[in-house]
Amino acid sequence: MNFSKRQYIVGANKIMNKKIVLSFPGSRGSEIPLLYFAAKHYEDLGYEKVFVNNPIIQDTSYEVLLNTLIENAKTIIESLNLSEYDNVEI
């Protein structure tokens, strides 16, 4: 995670502007470069980026893969304290 891009606005009241983007890259399809480009774009705008990886498990059903991805995403999202952020993009 890149913490150096956080922006802080100081005025009459100190306001912390924290932003985060969660990216779900998916499989190894042609959309992958677009998702990474989008995440990089958000990072350039000052967002902290977090990737939820898609585990590749051979010889399993689509349902098992989907459930594994969902559980992986839940674990990562629950480990983040999203209430600290002013803006969350998924």
PDB file of N, CA and C in Angstrom:
ATOM      1  N   MET A   1       0.831  -1.176   0.000  1.00  0.00           N
ATOM      2  CA  MET A   1       0.000   0.000   0.000  1.00  0.00           C
ATOM      3  C   MET A   1       0.875   1.237   0.000  1.00  0.00           C
ATOM      4  N   ASN A   2       0.414   2.250  -0.677  1.00  0.00           N
ATOM      5  CA  ASN A   2       1.191   3.470  -0.802  1.00  0.00           C
ATOM      6  C   ASN A   2       0.591   4.535   0.104  1.00  0.00           C
ATOM      7  N   PHE A   3       1.255   4.811   1.217  1.00  0.00           N
ATOM      8  CA  PHE A   3       0.749   5.784   2.165  1.00  0.00           C
ATOM      9  C   PHE A   3       1.254   7.191   1.870  1.00  0.00           C
ATOM     10  N   SER A   4       2.207   7.334   0.970  1.00  0.00           N
ATOM     11  CA  SER A   4       2.801   8.642   0.708  1.00  0.00           C
ATOM     12  C   SER A   4       1.882   9.556  -0.086  1.00  0.00           C
ATOM     13  N   LYS A   5       0.846   9.014  -0.712  1.00  0.00           N
ATOM     14  CA  LYS A   5      -0.021   9.824  -1.547  1.00  0.00           C
ATOM     15  C   LYS A   5      -1.201  10.435  -0.782  1.00  0.00           C
ATOM     16  N   ARG A   6      -1.325  10.138   0.506  1.00  0.00           N
ATOM     17  CA  ARG A   6      -2.436  10.705   1.274  1.00  0.00           C
ATOM     18  C   ARG A   6      -2.326  12.219   1.288  1.00  0.00           C
ATOM     19  N   GLN A   7      -3.467  12.857   1.158  1.00  0.00           N
ATOM     20  CA  GLN A   7      -3.479  14.312   1.132  1.00  0.00           C
ATOM     21  C   GLN A   7      -4.038  14.828   2.455  1.00  0.00           C
ATOM     22  N   TYR A   8      -3.452  15.868   2.956  1.00  0.00           N
ATOM     23  CA  TYR A   8      -3.918  16.485   4.187  1.00  0.00           C
ATOM     24  C   TYR A   8      -4.269  17.937   3.899  1.00  0.00           C
ATOM     25  N   ILE A   9      -5.446  18.340   4.292  1.00  0.00           N
ATOM     26  CA  ILE A   9      -5.907  19.710   4.097  1.00  0.00           C
ATOM     27  C   ILE A   9      -5.973  20.359   5.477  1.00  0.00           C
ATOM     28  N   VAL A  10      -5.318  21.483   5.623  1.00  0.00           N
ATOM     29  CA  VAL A  10      -5.310  22.172   6.906  1.00  0.00           C
ATOM     30  C   VAL A  10      -6.028  23.500   6.740  1.00  0.00           C
ATOM     31  N   GLY A  11      -7.038  23.714   7.570  1.00  0.00           N
ATOM     32  CA  GLY A  11      -7.790  24.962   7.547  1.00  0.00           C
ATOM     33  C   GLY A  11      -8.090  25.348   8.978  1.00  0.00           C
ATOM     34  N   ALA A  12      -9.273  25.966   9.197  1.00  0.00           N
ATOM     35  CA  ALA A  12      -9.680  26.324  10.549  1.00  0.00           C
ATOM     36  C   ALA A  12      -9.755  25.063  11.410  1.00  0.00           C
ATOM     37  N   ASN A  13     -10.283  24.008  10.837  1.00  0.00           N
ATOM     38  CA  ASN A  13     -10.279  22.694  11.478  1.00  0.00           C
ATOM     39  C   ASN A  13      -9.386  21.795  10.640  1.00  0.00           C
ATOM     40  N   LYS A  14      -8.598  20.987  11.285  1.00  0.00           N
ATOM     41  CA  LYS A  14      -7.717  20.086  10.547  1.00  0.00           C
ATOM     42  C   LYS A  14      -8.561  18.946   9.972  1.00  0.00           C
ATOM     43  N   ILE A  15      -8.552  18.817   8.656  1.00  0.00           N
ATOM     44  CA  ILE A  15      -9.326  17.790   7.972  1.00  0.00           C
ATOM     45  C   ILE A  15      -8.352  16.856   7.275  1.00  0.00           C
ATOM     46  N   MET A  16      -8.522  15.571   7.478  1.00  0.00           N
ATOM     47  CA  MET A  16      -7.672  14.600   6.806  1.00  0.00           C
ATOM     48  C   MET A  16      -8.476  13.991   5.667  1.00  0.00           C
ATOM     49  N   ASN A  17      -7.978  14.114   4.457  1.00  0.00           N
ATOM     50  CA  ASN A  17      -8.650  13.595   3.274  1.00  0.00           C
ATOM     51  C   ASN A  17      -7.963  12.299   2.865  1.00  0.00           C
ATOM     52  N   LYS A  18      -8.529  11.174   3.304  1.00  0.00           N
ATOM     53  CA  LYS A  18      -7.946   9.875   2.991  1.00  0.00           C
ATOM     54  C   LYS A  18      -8.852   9.168   1.999  1.00  0.00           C
ATOM     55  N   LYS A  19      -8.250   8.632   0.937  1.00  0.00           N
ATOM     56  CA  LYS A  19      -9.014   7.968  -0.115  1.00  0.00           C
ATOM     57  C   LYS A  19      -8.383   6.614  -0.395  1.00  0.00           C
ATOM     58  N   ILE A  20      -9.234   5.652  -0.721  1.00  0.00           N
ATOM     59  CA  ILE A  20      -8.739   4.309  -1.011  1.00  0.00           C
ATOM     60  C   ILE A  20      -9.516   3.739  -2.189  1.00  0.00           C
ATOM     61  N   VAL A  21      -8.834   2.967  -3.026  1.00  0.00           N
ATOM     62  CA  VAL A  21      -9.489   2.272  -4.136  1.00  0.00           C
ATOM     63  C   VAL A  21      -9.173   0.786  -3.996  1.00  0.00           C
ATOM     64  N   LEU A  22     -10.222  -0.044  -4.110  1.00  0.00           N
ATOM     65  CA  LEU A  22     -10.074  -1.493  -4.065  1.00  0.00           C
ATOM     66  C   LEU A  22     -10.242  -2.020  -5.471  1.00  0.00           C
ATOM     67  N   SER A  23      -9.295  -2.806  -5.923  1.00  0.00           N
ATOM     68  CA  SER A  23      -9.335  -3.344  -7.281  1.00  0.00           C
ATOM     69  C   SER A  23      -9.400  -4.866  -7.224  1.00  0.00           C
ATOM     70  N   PHE A  24     -10.302  -5.419  -8.004  1.00  0.00           N
ATOM     71  CA  PHE A  24     -10.478  -6.866  -8.107  1.00  0.00           C
ATOM     72  C   PHE A  24     -10.046  -7.280  -9.505  1.00  0.00           C
ATOM     73  N   PRO A  25      -8.749  -7.595  -9.705  1.00  0.00           N
ATOM     74  CA  PRO A  25      -8.237  -7.842 -11.052  1.00  0.00           C
ATOM     75  C   PRO A  25      -8.900  -8.973 -11.815  1.00  0.00           C
ATOM     76  N   GLY A  26      -9.424  -9.982 -11.161  1.00  0.00           N
ATOM     77  CA  GLY A  26     -10.105 -11.048 -11.888  1.00  0.00           C
ATOM     78  C   GLY A  26      -9.158 -12.104 -12.405  1.00  0.00           C
ATOM     79  N   SER A  27      -9.456 -12.621 -13.579  1.00  0.00           N
ATOM     80  CA  SER A  27      -8.685 -13.734 -14.136  1.00  0.00           C
ATOM     81  C   SER A  27      -7.510 -13.213 -14.954  1.00  0.00           C
ATOM     82  N   ARG A  28      -7.051 -14.005 -15.887  1.00  0.00           N
ATOM     83  CA  ARG A  28      -5.918 -13.605 -16.727  1.00  0.00           C
ATOM     84  C   ARG A  28      -6.393 -13.133 -18.092  1.00  0.00           C
ATOM     85  N   GLY A  29      -7.543 -12.506 -18.141  1.00  0.00           N
ATOM     86  CA  GLY A  29      -8.108 -12.060 -19.407  1.00  0.00           C
ATOM     87  C   GLY A  29      -7.510 -10.762 -19.902  1.00  0.00           C
ATOM     88  N   SER A  30      -8.025 -10.310 -21.013  1.00  0.00           N
ATOM     89  CA  SER A  30      -7.507  -9.098 -21.652  1.00  0.00           C
ATOM     90  C   SER A  30      -7.856  -7.828 -20.889  1.00  0.00           C
ATOM     91  N   GLU A  31      -8.775  -7.922 -19.912  1.00  0.00           N
ATOM     92  CA  GLU A  31      -9.162  -6.730 -19.150  1.00  0.00           C
ATOM     93  C   GLU A  31      -8.150  -6.369 -18.066  1.00  0.00           C
ATOM     94  N   ILE A  32      -7.223  -7.253 -17.755  1.00  0.00           N
ATOM     95  CA  ILE A  32      -6.262  -7.026 -16.678  1.00  0.00           C
ATOM     96  C   ILE A  32      -5.483  -5.722 -16.838  1.00  0.00           C
ATOM     97  N   PRO A  33      -4.895  -5.423 -17.995  1.00  0.00           N
ATOM     98  CA  PRO A  33      -4.165  -4.151 -18.115  1.00  0.00           C
ATOM     99  C   PRO A  33      -5.053  -2.938 -17.841  1.00  0.00           C
ATOM    100  N   LEU A  34      -6.312  -3.011 -18.232  1.00  0.00           N
ATOM    101  CA  LEU A  34      -7.223  -1.889 -17.980  1.00  0.00           C
ATOM    102  C   LEU A  34      -7.472  -1.699 -16.494  1.00  0.00           C
ATOM    103  N   LEU A  35      -7.627  -2.796 -15.760  1.00  0.00           N
ATOM    104  CA  LEU A  35      -7.862  -2.693 -14.320  1.00  0.00           C
ATOM    105  C   LEU A  35      -6.636  -2.149 -13.596  1.00  0.00           C
ATOM    106  N   TYR A  36      -5.453  -2.596 -13.997  1.00  0.00           N
ATOM    107  CA  TYR A  36      -4.234  -2.071 -13.383  1.00  0.00           C
ATOM    108  C   TYR A  36      -4.020  -0.601 -13.764  1.00  0.00           C
ATOM    109  N   PHE A  37      -4.354  -0.235 -14.988  1.00  0.00           N
ATOM    110  CA  PHE A  37      -4.252   1.158 -15.415  1.00  0.00           C
ATOM    111  C   PHE A  37      -5.203   2.028 -14.597  1.00  0.00           C
ATOM    112  N   ALA A  38      -6.426   1.539 -14.388  1.00  0.00           N
ATOM    113  CA  ALA A  38      -7.402   2.293 -13.593  1.00  0.00           C
ATOM    114  C   ALA A  38      -6.904   2.468 -12.160  1.00  0.00           C
ATOM    115  N   ALA A  39      -6.341   1.411 -11.575  1.00  0.00           N
ATOM    116  CA  ALA A  39      -5.814   1.507 -10.215  1.00  0.00           C
ATOM    117  C   ALA A  39      -4.662   2.506 -10.151  1.00  0.00           C
ATOM    118  N   LYS A  40      -3.806   2.504 -11.152  1.00  0.00           N
ATOM    119  CA  LYS A  40      -2.692   3.461 -11.207  1.00  0.00           C
ATOM    120  C   LYS A  40      -3.219   4.891 -11.326  1.00  0.00           C
ATOM    121  N   HIS A  41      -4.275   5.059 -12.110  1.00  0.00           N
ATOM    122  CA  HIS A  41      -4.887   6.379 -12.264  1.00  0.00           C
ATOM    123  C   HIS A  41      -5.401   6.888 -10.913  1.00  0.00           C
ATOM    124  N   TYR A  42      -6.093   6.026 -10.167  1.00  0.00           N
ATOM    125  CA  TYR A  42      -6.580   6.424  -8.844  1.00  0.00           C
ATOM    126  C   TYR A  42      -5.416   6.740  -7.911  1.00  0.00           C
ATOM    127  N   GLU A  43      -4.339   5.958  -7.993  1.00  0.00           N
ATOM    128  CA  GLU A  43      -3.168   6.227  -7.165  1.00  0.00           C
ATOM    129  C   GLU A  43      -2.598   7.609  -7.488  1.00  0.00           C
ATOM    130  N   ASP A  44      -2.555   7.959  -8.763  1.00  0.00           N
ATOM    131  CA  ASP A  44      -2.069   9.281  -9.169  1.00  0.00           C
ATOM    132  C   ASP A  44      -2.966  10.401  -8.645  1.00  0.00           C
ATOM    133  N   LEU A  45      -4.236  10.091  -8.389  1.00  0.00           N
ATOM    134  CA  LEU A  45      -5.173  11.073  -7.839  1.00  0.00           C
ATOM    135  C   LEU A  45      -5.112  11.141  -6.313  1.00  0.00           C
ATOM    136  N   GLY A  46      -4.204  10.366  -5.711  1.00  0.00           N
ATOM    137  CA  GLY A  46      -4.028  10.426  -4.267  1.00  0.00           C
ATOM    138  C   GLY A  46      -4.706   9.315  -3.495  1.00  0.00           C
ATOM    139  N   TYR A  47      -5.205   8.311  -4.189  1.00  0.00           N
ATOM    140  CA  TYR A  47      -5.849   7.191  -3.514  1.00  0.00           C
ATOM    141  C   TYR A  47      -4.808   6.162  -3.094  1.00  0.00           C
ATOM    142  N   GLU A  48      -5.028   5.550  -1.957  1.00  0.00           N
ATOM    143  CA  GLU A  48      -4.259   4.375  -1.567  1.00  0.00           C
ATOM    144  C   GLU A  48      -4.898   3.208  -2.311  1.00  0.00           C
ATOM    145  N   LYS A  49      -4.107   2.356  -2.949  1.00  0.00           N
ATOM    146  CA  LYS A  49      -4.708   1.262  -3.718  1.00  0.00           C
ATOM    147  C   LYS A  49      -4.469  -0.074  -3.038  1.00  0.00           C
ATOM    148  N   VAL A  50      -5.489  -0.914  -3.101  1.00  0.00           N
ATOM    149  CA  VAL A  50      -5.431  -2.252  -2.530  1.00  0.00           C
ATOM    150  C   VAL A  50      -5.962  -3.217  -3.577  1.00  0.00           C
ATOM    151  N   PHE A  51      -5.208  -4.265  -3.862  1.00  0.00           N
ATOM    152  CA  PHE A  51      -5.648  -5.285  -4.814  1.00  0.00           C
ATOM    153  C   PHE A  51      -6.172  -6.495  -4.056  1.00  0.00           C
ATOM    154  N   VAL A  52      -7.292  -7.022  -4.516  1.00  0.00           N
ATOM    155  CA  VAL A  52      -7.819  -8.285  -4.014  1.00  0.00           C
ATOM    156  C   VAL A  52      -7.489  -9.310  -5.079  1.00  0.00           C
ATOM    157  N   ASN A  53      -6.513 -10.150  -4.794  1.00  0.00           N
ATOM    158  CA  ASN A  53      -6.039 -11.109  -5.788  1.00  0.00           C
ATOM    159  C   ASN A  53      -7.015 -12.252  -5.991  1.00  0.00           C
ATOM    160  N   ASN A  54      -7.008 -12.763  -7.199  1.00  0.00           N
ATOM    161  CA  ASN A  54      -7.839 -13.899  -7.569  1.00  0.00           C
ATOM    162  C   ASN A  54      -6.963 -15.144  -7.554  1.00  0.00           C
ATOM    163  N   PRO A  55      -7.151 -16.009  -6.553  1.00  0.00           N
ATOM    164  CA  PRO A  55      -6.318 -17.214  -6.522  1.00  0.00           C
ATOM    165  C   PRO A  55      -6.668 -18.141  -7.678  1.00  0.00           C
ATOM    166  N   ILE A  56      -5.655 -18.676  -8.313  1.00  0.00           N
ATOM    167  CA  ILE A  56      -5.880 -19.608  -9.417  1.00  0.00           C
ATOM    168  C   ILE A  56      -5.759 -21.020  -8.858  1.00  0.00           C
ATOM    169  N   ILE A  57      -6.868 -21.730  -8.865  1.00  0.00           N
ATOM    170  CA  ILE A  57      -6.909 -23.088  -8.338  1.00  0.00           C
ATOM    171  C   ILE A  57      -7.268 -24.012  -9.494  1.00  0.00           C
ATOM    172  N   GLN A  58      -6.386 -24.924  -9.795  1.00  0.00           N
ATOM    173  CA  GLN A  58      -6.608 -25.842 -10.913  1.00  0.00           C
ATOM    174  C   GLN A  58      -7.662 -26.887 -10.555  1.00  0.00           C
ATOM    175  N   ASP A  59      -8.391 -27.323 -11.565  1.00  0.00           N
ATOM    176  CA  ASP A  59      -9.340 -28.437 -11.442  1.00  0.00           C
ATOM    177  C   ASP A  59     -10.396 -28.221 -10.369  1.00  0.00           C
ATOM    178  N   THR A  60     -10.936 -27.018 -10.289  1.00  0.00           N
ATOM    179  CA  THR A  60     -12.048 -26.756  -9.377  1.00  0.00           C
ATOM    180  C   THR A  60     -13.177 -26.119 -10.163  1.00  0.00           C
ATOM    181  N   SER A  61     -14.346 -26.181  -9.586  1.00  0.00           N
ATOM    182  CA  SER A  61     -15.517 -25.636 -10.270  1.00  0.00           C
ATOM    183  C   SER A  61     -15.532 -24.113 -10.176  1.00  0.00           C
ATOM    184  N   TYR A  62     -16.324 -23.522 -11.045  1.00  0.00           N
ATOM    185  CA  TYR A  62     -16.482 -22.066 -11.045  1.00  0.00           C
ATOM    186  C   TYR A  62     -17.022 -21.605  -9.700  1.00  0.00           C
ATOM    187  N   GLU A  63     -17.954 -22.360  -9.137  1.00  0.00           N
ATOM    188  CA  GLU A  63     -18.562 -21.991  -7.859  1.00  0.00           C
ATOM    189  C   GLU A  63     -17.522 -21.956  -6.739  1.00  0.00           C
ATOM    190  N   VAL A  64     -16.635 -22.941  -6.714  1.00  0.00           N
ATOM    191  CA  VAL A  64     -15.576 -22.970  -5.695  1.00  0.00           C
ATOM    192  C   VAL A  64     -14.634 -21.781  -5.882  1.00  0.00           C
ATOM    193  N   LEU A  65     -14.264 -21.499  -7.126  1.00  0.00           N
ATOM    194  CA  LEU A  65     -13.395 -20.346  -7.396  1.00  0.00           C
ATOM    195  C   LEU A  65     -14.056 -19.042  -6.970  1.00  0.00           C
ATOM    196  N   LEU A  66     -15.339 -18.891  -7.287  1.00  0.00           N
ATOM    197  CA  LEU A  66     -16.068 -17.679  -6.923  1.00  0.00           C
ATOM    198  C   LEU A  66     -16.135 -17.524  -5.410  1.00  0.00           C
ATOM    199  N   ASN A  67     -16.458 -18.605  -4.709  1.00  0.00           N
ATOM    200  CA  ASN A  67     -16.524 -18.546  -3.249  1.00  0.00           C
ATOM    201  C   ASN A  67     -15.168 -18.226  -2.636  1.00  0.00           C
ATOM    202  N   THR A  68     -14.100 -18.774  -3.211  1.00  0.00           N
ATOM    203  CA  THR A  68     -12.750 -18.481  -2.728  1.00  0.00           C
ATOM    204  C   THR A  68     -12.415 -17.006  -2.927  1.00  0.00           C
ATOM    205  N   LEU A  69     -12.760 -16.464  -4.090  1.00  0.00           N
ATOM    206  CA  LEU A  69     -12.518 -15.050  -4.359  1.00  0.00           C
ATOM    207  C   LEU A  69     -13.307 -14.168  -3.397  1.00  0.00           C
ATOM    208  N   ILE A  70     -14.563 -14.513  -3.163  1.00  0.00           N
ATOM    209  CA  ILE A  70     -15.399 -13.724  -2.252  1.00  0.00           C
ATOM    210  C   ILE A  70     -14.824 -13.753  -0.839  1.00  0.00           C
ATOM    211  N   GLU A  71     -14.420 -14.924  -0.368  1.00  0.00           N
ATOM    212  CA  GLU A  71     -13.838 -15.025   0.972  1.00  0.00           C
ATOM    213  C   GLU A  71     -12.526 -14.244   1.069  1.00  0.00           C
ATOM    214  N   ASN A  72     -11.710 -14.319   0.028  1.00  0.00           N
ATOM    215  CA  ASN A  72     -10.457 -13.565  -0.008  1.00  0.00           C
ATOM    216  C   ASN A  72     -10.745 -12.064   0.045  1.00  0.00           C
ATOM    217  N   ALA A  73     -11.723 -11.620  -0.724  1.00  0.00           N
ATOM    218  CA  ALA A  73     -12.094 -10.199  -0.731  1.00  0.00           C
ATOM    219  C   ALA A  73     -12.602  -9.767   0.640  1.00  0.00           C
ATOM    220  N   LYS A  74     -13.454 -10.586   1.265  1.00  0.00           N
ATOM    221  CA  LYS A  74     -13.976 -10.255   2.600  1.00  0.00           C
ATOM    222  C   LYS A  74     -12.846 -10.109   3.608  1.00  0.00           C
ATOM    223  N   THR A  75     -11.895 -11.035   3.559  1.00  0.00           N
ATOM    224  CA  THR A  75     -10.772 -10.996   4.497  1.00  0.00           C
ATOM    225  C   THR A  75      -9.973  -9.708   4.342  1.00  0.00           C
ATOM    226  N   ILE A  76      -9.686  -9.341   3.115  1.00  0.00           N
ATOM    227  CA  ILE A  76      -8.905  -8.126   2.869  1.00  0.00           C
ATOM    228  C   ILE A  76      -9.692  -6.885   3.268  1.00  0.00           C
ATOM    229  N   ILE A  77     -10.956  -6.822   2.876  1.00  0.00           N
ATOM    230  CA  ILE A  77     -11.773  -5.646   3.183  1.00  0.00           C
ATOM    231  C   ILE A  77     -11.982  -5.502   4.684  1.00  0.00           C
ATOM    232  N   GLU A  78     -12.223  -6.618   5.382  1.00  0.00           N
ATOM    233  CA  GLU A  78     -12.413  -6.552   6.830  1.00  0.00           C
ATOM    234  C   GLU A  78     -11.136  -6.142   7.555  1.00  0.00           C
ATOM    235  N   SER A  79      -9.974  -6.395   6.957  1.00  0.00           N
ATOM    236  CA  SER A  79      -8.713  -6.008   7.598  1.00  0.00           C
ATOM    237  C   SER A  79      -8.443  -4.507   7.472  1.00  0.00           C
ATOM    238  N   LEU A  80      -9.150  -3.854   6.554  1.00  0.00           N
ATOM    239  CA  LEU A  80      -8.997  -2.413   6.369  1.00  0.00           C
ATOM    240  C   LEU A  80      -9.997  -1.690   7.257  1.00  0.00           C
ATOM    241  N   ASN A  81      -9.611  -0.585   7.818  1.00  0.00           N
ATOM    242  CA  ASN A  81     -10.538   0.229   8.598  1.00  0.00           C
ATOM    243  C   ASN A  81     -11.097   1.299   7.666  1.00  0.00           C
ATOM    244  N   LEU A  82     -12.120   0.922   6.892  1.00  0.00           N
ATOM    245  CA  LEU A  82     -12.642   1.826   5.867  1.00  0.00           C
ATOM    246  C   LEU A  82     -13.306   3.068   6.450  1.00  0.00           C
ATOM    247  N   SER A  83     -13.671   3.036   7.730  1.00  0.00           N
ATOM    248  CA  SER A  83     -14.270   4.224   8.344  1.00  0.00           C
ATOM    249  C   SER A  83     -13.263   5.369   8.446  1.00  0.00           C
ATOM    250  N   GLU A  84     -11.971   5.072   8.322  1.00  0.00           N
ATOM    251  CA  GLU A  84     -10.937   6.115   8.350  1.00  0.00           C
ATOM    252  C   GLU A  84     -10.889   6.922   7.062  1.00  0.00           C
ATOM    253  N   TYR A  85     -11.500   6.409   6.011  1.00  0.00           N
ATOM    254  CA  TYR A  85     -11.376   7.020   4.691  1.00  0.00           C
ATOM    255  C   TYR A  85     -12.580   7.892   4.370  1.00  0.00           C
ATOM    256  N   ASP A  86     -12.298   9.027   3.744  1.00  0.00           N
ATOM    257  CA  ASP A  86     -13.352   9.930   3.307  1.00  0.00           C
ATOM    258  C   ASP A  86     -13.975   9.462   2.006  1.00  0.00           C
ATOM    259  N   ASN A  87     -13.220   8.729   1.203  1.00  0.00           N
ATOM    260  CA  ASN A  87     -13.706   8.287  -0.101  1.00  0.00           C
ATOM    261  C   ASN A  87     -13.202   6.877  -0.362  1.00  0.00           C
ATOM    262  N   VAL A  88     -14.135   5.957  -0.660  1.00  0.00           N
ATOM    263  CA  VAL A  88     -13.796   4.570  -0.965  1.00  0.00           C
ATOM    264  C   VAL A  88     -14.341   4.252  -2.345  1.00  0.00           C
ATOM    265  N   GLU A  89     -13.464   3.830  -3.247  1.00  0.00           N
ATOM    266  CA  GLU A  89     -13.868   3.448  -4.605  1.00  0.00           C
ATOM    267  C   GLU A  89     -13.618   1.960  -4.774  1.00  0.00           C
ATOM    268  N   ILE A  90     -14.586   1.268  -5.374  1.00  0.00           N
ATOM    269  CA  ILE A  90     -14.444  -0.172  -5.619  1.00  0.00           C
ATOM    270  C   ILE A  90     -14.636  -0.425  -7.091  1.00  0.00           C
TER     271      ILE A  90
END
